[in-house]
Structure formats: C-alpha cells, structure tokens
Amino acid sequence: MSETSRNGAQQPETAALERIDDLRSLALGCLEEMKAEETIAIDLAGKTSLADTMIIASGRSQRHVGSIADKILQEMKAKGFGNARVEGLPACDWVLIDAGDVLVHIFRPEVRGFYNLEKMWGADRPAGQQLAG
C-alpha cells in the first residue's frame, strides 16, 4: 500500500472535484446570505472548457450587486480559494467572478434580462424553477 493510500489522502482528481463542490457551495451560500435573487447554477461540465459551473444571480441595485460580489470574494479568500479574477466592480451593473472552475455572474435585473445568459447556456427556466443548490 502506498504512503498516500495509508494516510487516507485523496487522489488528485477527487480532491479537485471536492474543491469545485466546496467553491460552488461557498458561492451559493454567500448568494443566499446576501439575499441575491433568482439564483441558478448551470452545470457546464462537458459543455465547455471555460468552467464546470456557472452561477447566475441578480442584485436589486448597483450597491447590492457590489456587496454580493465583495462578500463572495472575501469568503473565497478567507477559505483559501485564492484570488479570483473580477470584472465589472466599478459600475456594478454586471460583476463576473472567475474562480476557474466556477464562474459567478451577478447582475442588476434589467442587465440580466438584456444578456440572458440562461438562454445562451441552455438553462432558460420558467419563473419558479430556479436551481439554487
């Protein structure tokens, strides 16, 4: 038995999948805590090499969008996920947090409707059928 197996250490692939799940859960938890609206998670595994999960949510205002993004970034850093790439923070109409395997889009509602990423990625759902976790 190898030293790794005896110590109960995980295989690299299993550890990577757990890390992705932990990051996804962290983001969804922050979105819920910060009262983000219409949160959905889209499974991208096998569809694109961009990421494994895309999370889309709405904030009520530019300030709300910025606060949600700040919370996610602070929690990621505190939990050891490092620094994600972020775009859109100054205007806060649409903030993208790119954490590698997990992408988080936070929109003001009218901006979200304009870009309609759910439809683009095949996750357009009638109201009331959001996937949040």
C-alpha atoms as a PDB file:
ATOM      1  CA  MET A   1       0.000   0.000   0.000  1.00  0.00           C
ATOM      2  CA  SER A   2       1.387   3.397  -0.901  1.00  0.00           C
ATOM      3  CA  GLU A   3       2.054   6.085   1.686  1.00  0.00           C
ATOM      4  CA  THR A   4      -0.718   8.201   0.181  1.00  0.00           C
ATOM      5  CA  SER A   5      -3.288   5.414   0.489  1.00  0.00           C
ATOM      6  CA  ARG A   6      -2.311   4.557   4.070  1.00  0.00           C
ATOM      7  CA  ASN A   7      -2.706   8.166   5.172  1.00  0.00           C
ATOM      8  CA  GLY A   8      -6.135   8.367   3.581  1.00  0.00           C
ATOM      9  CA  ALA A   9      -5.080  11.190   1.289  1.00  0.00           C
ATOM     10  CA  GLN A  10      -7.306  11.730  -1.700  1.00  0.00           C
ATOM     11  CA  GLN A  11      -6.428  11.139  -5.293  1.00  0.00           C
ATOM     12  CA  PRO A  12      -5.771  14.429  -7.141  1.00  0.00           C
ATOM     13  CA  GLU A  13      -8.926  14.150  -9.270  1.00  0.00           C
ATOM     14  CA  THR A  14     -11.153  13.501  -6.246  1.00  0.00           C
ATOM     15  CA  ALA A  15      -9.595  16.420  -4.381  1.00  0.00           C
ATOM     16  CA  ALA A  16     -10.157  18.688  -7.387  1.00  0.00           C
ATOM     17  CA  LEU A  17     -13.826  17.686  -7.630  1.00  0.00           C
ATOM     18  CA  GLU A  18     -14.306  18.314  -3.907  1.00  0.00           C
ATOM     19  CA  ARG A  19     -12.654  21.712  -4.271  1.00  0.00           C
ATOM     20  CA  ILE A  20     -15.054  22.612  -7.092  1.00  0.00           C
ATOM     21  CA  ASP A  21     -18.035  21.465  -4.995  1.00  0.00           C
ATOM     22  CA  ASP A  22     -16.773  23.458  -1.996  1.00  0.00           C
ATOM     23  CA  LEU A  23     -16.299  26.585  -4.120  1.00  0.00           C
ATOM     24  CA  ARG A  24     -19.750  26.179  -5.688  1.00  0.00           C
ATOM     25  CA  SER A  25     -21.318  25.728  -2.233  1.00  0.00           C
ATOM     26  CA  LEU A  26     -19.452  28.746  -0.883  1.00  0.00           C
ATOM     27  CA  ALA A  27     -20.708  30.963  -3.721  1.00  0.00           C
ATOM     28  CA  LEU A  28     -24.296  29.710  -3.437  1.00  0.00           C
ATOM     29  CA  GLY A  29     -24.203  30.167   0.339  1.00  0.00           C
ATOM     30  CA  CYS A  30     -22.992  33.751   0.013  1.00  0.00           C
ATOM     31  CA  LEU A  31     -25.654  34.500  -2.589  1.00  0.00           C
ATOM     32  CA  GLU A  32     -28.345  33.162  -0.272  1.00  0.00           C
ATOM     33  CA  GLU A  33     -26.953  35.001   2.758  1.00  0.00           C
ATOM     34  CA  MET A  34     -26.787  38.278   0.844  1.00  0.00           C
ATOM     35  CA  LYS A  35     -30.354  37.814  -0.423  1.00  0.00           C
ATOM     36  CA  ALA A  36     -29.450  37.579  -4.107  1.00  0.00           C
ATOM     37  CA  GLU A  37     -32.484  36.966  -6.303  1.00  0.00           C
ATOM     38  CA  GLU A  38     -33.271  34.375  -8.976  1.00  0.00           C
ATOM     39  CA  THR A  39     -30.099  32.366  -8.398  1.00  0.00           C
ATOM     40  CA  ILE A  40     -29.450  29.487 -10.770  1.00  0.00           C
ATOM     41  CA  ALA A  41     -26.481  27.171 -11.200  1.00  0.00           C
ATOM     42  CA  ILE A  42     -25.760  25.750 -14.640  1.00  0.00           C
ATOM     43  CA  ASP A  43     -23.669  22.597 -14.977  1.00  0.00           C
ATOM     44  CA  LEU A  44     -21.126  23.237 -17.738  1.00  0.00           C
ATOM     45  CA  ALA A  45     -19.098  20.034 -17.294  1.00  0.00           C
ATOM     46  CA  GLY A  46     -18.590  18.526 -20.727  1.00  0.00           C
ATOM     47  CA  LYS A  47     -20.139  21.550 -22.492  1.00  0.00           C
ATOM     48  CA  THR A  48     -17.175  23.921 -22.391  1.00  0.00           C
ATOM     49  CA  SER A  49     -13.664  24.189 -21.047  1.00  0.00           C
ATOM     50  CA  LEU A  50     -14.461  27.602 -19.508  1.00  0.00           C
ATOM     51  CA  ALA A  51     -15.671  26.190 -16.189  1.00  0.00           C
ATOM     52  CA  ASP A  52     -17.608  23.336 -14.612  1.00  0.00           C
ATOM     53  CA  THR A  53     -20.329  25.531 -13.091  1.00  0.00           C
ATOM     54  CA  MET A  54     -21.824  28.895 -13.973  1.00  0.00           C
ATOM     55  CA  ILE A  55     -23.872  30.610 -11.296  1.00  0.00           C
ATOM     56  CA  ILE A  56     -26.133  33.495 -12.252  1.00  0.00           C
ATOM     57  CA  ALA A  57     -27.904  35.743  -9.757  1.00  0.00           C
ATOM     58  CA  SER A  58     -29.451  39.187  -9.518  1.00  0.00           C
ATOM     59  CA  GLY A  59     -28.985  42.014  -7.075  1.00  0.00           C
ATOM     60  CA  ARG A  60     -31.619  44.701  -6.566  1.00  0.00           C
ATOM     61  CA  SER A  61     -29.301  47.664  -7.213  1.00  0.00           C
ATOM     62  CA  GLN A  62     -25.720  48.509  -8.114  1.00  0.00           C
ATOM     63  CA  ARG A  63     -24.873  48.689  -4.410  1.00  0.00           C
ATOM     64  CA  HIS A  64     -26.468  45.275  -3.770  1.00  0.00           C
ATOM     65  CA  VAL A  65     -24.584  43.713  -6.716  1.00  0.00           C
ATOM     66  CA  GLY A  66     -21.288  45.143  -5.396  1.00  0.00           C
ATOM     67  CA  SER A  67     -21.981  43.955  -1.841  1.00  0.00           C
ATOM     68  CA  ILE A  68     -22.770  40.433  -3.010  1.00  0.00           C
ATOM     69  CA  ALA A  69     -19.578  40.303  -5.075  1.00  0.00           C
ATOM     70  CA  ASP A  70     -17.487  41.629  -2.174  1.00  0.00           C
ATOM     71  CA  LYS A  71     -18.932  39.003   0.170  1.00  0.00           C
ATOM     72  CA  ILE A  72     -18.128  36.148  -2.216  1.00  0.00           C
ATOM     73  CA  LEU A  73     -14.585  37.439  -2.775  1.00  0.00           C
ATOM     74  CA  GLN A  74     -13.942  37.863   0.965  1.00  0.00           C
ATOM     75  CA  GLU A  75     -15.229  34.355   1.748  1.00  0.00           C
ATOM     76  CA  MET A  76     -13.187  32.806  -1.064  1.00  0.00           C
ATOM     77  CA  LYS A  77     -10.037  34.431   0.243  1.00  0.00           C
ATOM     78  CA  ALA A  78     -10.828  33.507   3.876  1.00  0.00           C
ATOM     79  CA  LYS A  79     -11.464  29.856   2.935  1.00  0.00           C
ATOM     80  CA  GLY A  80      -8.214  29.561   0.979  1.00  0.00           C
ATOM     81  CA  PHE A  81      -9.553  29.650  -2.566  1.00  0.00           C
ATOM     82  CA  GLY A  82      -7.147  32.428  -3.501  1.00  0.00           C
ATOM     83  CA  ASN A  83      -7.898  35.477  -5.554  1.00  0.00           C
ATOM     84  CA  ALA A  84     -10.421  35.179  -8.354  1.00  0.00           C
ATOM     85  CA  ARG A  85     -10.412  37.397 -11.416  1.00  0.00           C
ATOM     86  CA  VAL A  86     -13.135  40.014 -11.182  1.00  0.00           C
ATOM     87  CA  GLU A  87     -14.672  42.267 -13.804  1.00  0.00           C
ATOM     88  CA  GLY A  88     -17.332  44.936 -13.529  1.00  0.00           C
ATOM     89  CA  LEU A  89     -16.899  46.029  -9.912  1.00  0.00           C
ATOM     90  CA  PRO A  90     -16.622  49.766 -10.549  1.00  0.00           C
ATOM     91  CA  ALA A  91     -20.012  50.005 -12.315  1.00  0.00           C
ATOM     92  CA  CYS A  92     -21.724  47.039 -10.579  1.00  0.00           C
ATOM     93  CA  ASP A  93     -24.278  46.533 -13.363  1.00  0.00           C
ATOM     94  CA  TRP A  94     -22.786  43.093 -14.027  1.00  0.00           C
ATOM     95  CA  VAL A  95     -19.983  41.618 -11.957  1.00  0.00           C
ATOM     96  CA  LEU A  96     -18.170  38.494 -13.107  1.00  0.00           C
ATOM     97  CA  ILE A  97     -16.173  36.478 -10.599  1.00  0.00           C
ATOM     98  CA  ASP A  98     -13.979  33.951 -12.398  1.00  0.00           C
ATOM     99  CA  ALA A  99     -12.725  31.410  -9.876  1.00  0.00           C
ATOM    100  CA  GLY A 100     -11.503  28.989 -12.524  1.00  0.00           C
ATOM    101  CA  ASP A 101     -13.898  26.056 -12.372  1.00  0.00           C
ATOM    102  CA  VAL A 102     -16.754  28.211 -11.061  1.00  0.00           C
ATOM    103  CA  LEU A 103     -17.999  31.402 -12.727  1.00  0.00           C
ATOM    104  CA  VAL A 104     -20.348  33.703 -10.835  1.00  0.00           C
ATOM    105  CA  HIS A 105     -22.339  36.367 -12.690  1.00  0.00           C
ATOM    106  CA  ILE A 106     -24.183  38.934 -10.575  1.00  0.00           C
ATOM    107  CA  PHE A 107     -26.482  41.285 -12.478  1.00  0.00           C
ATOM    108  CA  ARG A 108     -28.887  44.110 -11.946  1.00  0.00           C
ATOM    109  CA  PRO A 109     -32.220  42.633 -13.205  1.00  0.00           C
ATOM    110  CA  GLU A 110     -32.529  44.770 -16.357  1.00  0.00           C
ATOM    111  CA  VAL A 111     -28.941  43.983 -17.377  1.00  0.00           C
ATOM    112  CA  ARG A 112     -29.500  40.265 -16.754  1.00  0.00           C
ATOM    113  CA  GLY A 113     -32.589  40.336 -18.960  1.00  0.00           C
ATOM    114  CA  PHE A 114     -30.654  42.047 -21.748  1.00  0.00           C
ATOM    115  CA  TYR A 115     -27.820  39.495 -21.848  1.00  0.00           C
ATOM    116  CA  ASN A 116     -29.995  36.461 -20.986  1.00  0.00           C
ATOM    117  CA  LEU A 117     -27.100  34.087 -20.266  1.00  0.00           C
ATOM    118  CA  GLU A 118     -29.532  31.401 -19.115  1.00  0.00           C
ATOM    119  CA  LYS A 119     -30.907  31.085 -22.634  1.00  0.00           C
ATOM    120  CA  MET A 120     -27.433  31.161 -24.182  1.00  0.00           C
ATOM    121  CA  TRP A 121     -26.275  28.266 -21.975  1.00  0.00           C
ATOM    122  CA  GLY A 122     -29.477  26.257 -22.292  1.00  0.00           C
ATOM    123  CA  ALA A 123     -30.804  26.844 -18.791  1.00  0.00           C
ATOM    124  CA  ASP A 124     -33.765  29.099 -19.582  1.00  0.00           C
ATOM    125  CA  ARG A 125     -36.392  28.174 -16.986  1.00  0.00           C
ATOM    126  CA  PRO A 126     -39.886  29.444 -16.323  1.00  0.00           C
ATOM    127  CA  ALA A 127     -40.192  31.519 -13.140  1.00  0.00           C
ATOM    128  CA  GLY A 128     -40.203  29.404 -10.029  1.00  0.00           C
ATOM    129  CA  GLN A 129     -37.905  26.721 -11.394  1.00  0.00           C
ATOM    130  CA  GLN A 130     -34.529  28.130 -10.436  1.00  0.00           C
ATOM    131  CA  LEU A 131     -31.796  25.760  -9.408  1.00  0.00           C
ATOM    132  CA  ALA A 132     -30.027  27.015  -6.333  1.00  0.00           C
ATOM    133  CA  GLY A 133     -28.178  24.113  -4.945  1.00  0.00           C
END
